[in-house]
Amino acid sequence: MNEFVDSLLIRVEQAEQAVRRAVEQQDEYAADVHRADLANLRRLAAEHGVPVGAPEEG
């Protein structure tokens, strides 16, 4: 389970960074795509009891 958790946390961090980059570049489509990916990762984490912190604004 540790490998799953580690991988999930890395993917959440990468998705958060991707959202920030897209917002900085004013690419709303990419930001929306990455936000959807992030929402799916957060849902998956919640289903498996993996704490990932509060969603970031943006």
C-alpha atoms as a PDB file:
ATOM      1  CA  MET A   1       0.000   0.000   0.000  1.00  0.00           C
ATOM      2  CA  ASN A   2       2.920   2.397   0.587  1.00  0.00           C
ATOM      3  CA  GLU A   3       3.859   2.422  -3.096  1.00  0.00           C
ATOM      4  CA  PHE A   4       0.245   3.242  -3.991  1.00  0.00           C
ATOM      5  CA  VAL A   5       0.124   6.075  -1.456  1.00  0.00           C
ATOM      6  CA  ASP A   6       3.489   7.470  -2.546  1.00  0.00           C
ATOM      7  CA  SER A   7       2.474   7.370  -6.200  1.00  0.00           C
ATOM      8  CA  LEU A   8      -0.874   8.993  -5.488  1.00  0.00           C
ATOM      9  CA  LEU A   9       0.702  11.812  -3.473  1.00  0.00           C
ATOM     10  CA  ILE A  10       3.215  12.468  -6.246  1.00  0.00           C
ATOM     11  CA  ARG A  11       0.442  12.580  -8.846  1.00  0.00           C
ATOM     12  CA  VAL A  12      -1.580  15.007  -6.694  1.00  0.00           C
ATOM     13  CA  GLU A  13       1.447  17.289  -6.356  1.00  0.00           C
ATOM     14  CA  GLN A  14       2.099  17.123 -10.109  1.00  0.00           C
ATOM     15  CA  ALA A  15      -1.532  17.932 -10.896  1.00  0.00           C
ATOM     16  CA  GLU A  16      -1.478  20.900  -8.496  1.00  0.00           C
ATOM     17  CA  GLN A  17       1.660  22.205 -10.198  1.00  0.00           C
ATOM     18  CA  ALA A  18       0.082  21.721 -13.621  1.00  0.00           C
ATOM     19  CA  VAL A  19      -2.974  23.730 -12.563  1.00  0.00           C
ATOM     20  CA  ARG A  20      -0.746  26.539 -11.281  1.00  0.00           C
ATOM     21  CA  ARG A  21       1.292  26.594 -14.506  1.00  0.00           C
ATOM     22  CA  ALA A  22      -1.818  26.673 -16.674  1.00  0.00           C
ATOM     23  CA  VAL A  23      -3.304  29.508 -14.622  1.00  0.00           C
ATOM     24  CA  GLU A  24      -0.033  31.467 -14.820  1.00  0.00           C
ATOM     25  CA  GLN A  25      -0.049  30.984 -18.601  1.00  0.00           C
ATOM     26  CA  GLN A  26      -3.720  32.019 -18.723  1.00  0.00           C
ATOM     27  CA  ASP A  27      -4.616  28.728 -20.408  1.00  0.00           C
ATOM     28  CA  GLU A  28      -8.110  28.156 -19.041  1.00  0.00           C
ATOM     29  CA  TYR A  29      -8.696  24.955 -21.006  1.00  0.00           C
ATOM     30  CA  ALA A  30      -5.526  23.323 -19.659  1.00  0.00           C
ATOM     31  CA  ALA A  31      -6.322  24.585 -16.161  1.00  0.00           C
ATOM     32  CA  ASP A  32      -9.778  22.993 -16.353  1.00  0.00           C
ATOM     33  CA  VAL A  33      -8.329  19.703 -17.614  1.00  0.00           C
ATOM     34  CA  HIS A  34      -5.770  19.608 -14.805  1.00  0.00           C
ATOM     35  CA  ARG A  35      -8.396  20.591 -12.217  1.00  0.00           C
ATOM     36  CA  ALA A  36     -10.534  17.656 -13.357  1.00  0.00           C
ATOM     37  CA  ASP A  37      -7.541  15.329 -13.080  1.00  0.00           C
ATOM     38  CA  LEU A  38      -6.813  16.708  -9.615  1.00  0.00           C
ATOM     39  CA  ALA A  39     -10.436  16.210  -8.551  1.00  0.00           C
ATOM     40  CA  ASN A  40     -10.283  12.578  -9.687  1.00  0.00           C
ATOM     41  CA  LEU A  41      -7.035  12.023  -7.792  1.00  0.00           C
ATOM     42  CA  ARG A  42      -8.523  13.591  -4.642  1.00  0.00           C
ATOM     43  CA  ARG A  43     -11.597  11.365  -4.974  1.00  0.00           C
ATOM     44  CA  LEU A  44      -9.385   8.302  -5.349  1.00  0.00           C
ATOM     45  CA  ALA A  45      -7.359   9.350  -2.312  1.00  0.00           C
ATOM     46  CA  ALA A  46     -10.513   9.838  -0.238  1.00  0.00           C
ATOM     47  CA  GLU A  47     -11.841   6.426  -1.259  1.00  0.00           C
ATOM     48  CA  HIS A  48      -8.636   4.849   0.035  1.00  0.00           C
ATOM     49  CA  GLY A  49      -8.273   6.975   3.152  1.00  0.00           C
ATOM     50  CA  VAL A  50      -5.200   8.811   1.911  1.00  0.00           C
ATOM     51  CA  PRO A  51      -4.996  12.356   3.304  1.00  0.00           C
ATOM     52  CA  VAL A  52      -3.923  14.831   0.623  1.00  0.00           C
ATOM     53  CA  GLY A  53      -4.658  18.157   2.291  1.00  0.00           C
ATOM     54  CA  ALA A  54      -7.164  20.824   1.430  1.00  0.00           C
ATOM     55  CA  PRO A  55      -7.807  21.703  -2.208  1.00  0.00           C
ATOM     56  CA  GLU A  56      -5.916  24.786  -3.339  1.00  0.00           C
ATOM     57  CA  GLU A  57      -7.684  27.849  -4.672  1.00  0.00           C
ATOM     58  CA  GLY A  58      -7.172  28.678  -8.317  1.00  0.00           C
END
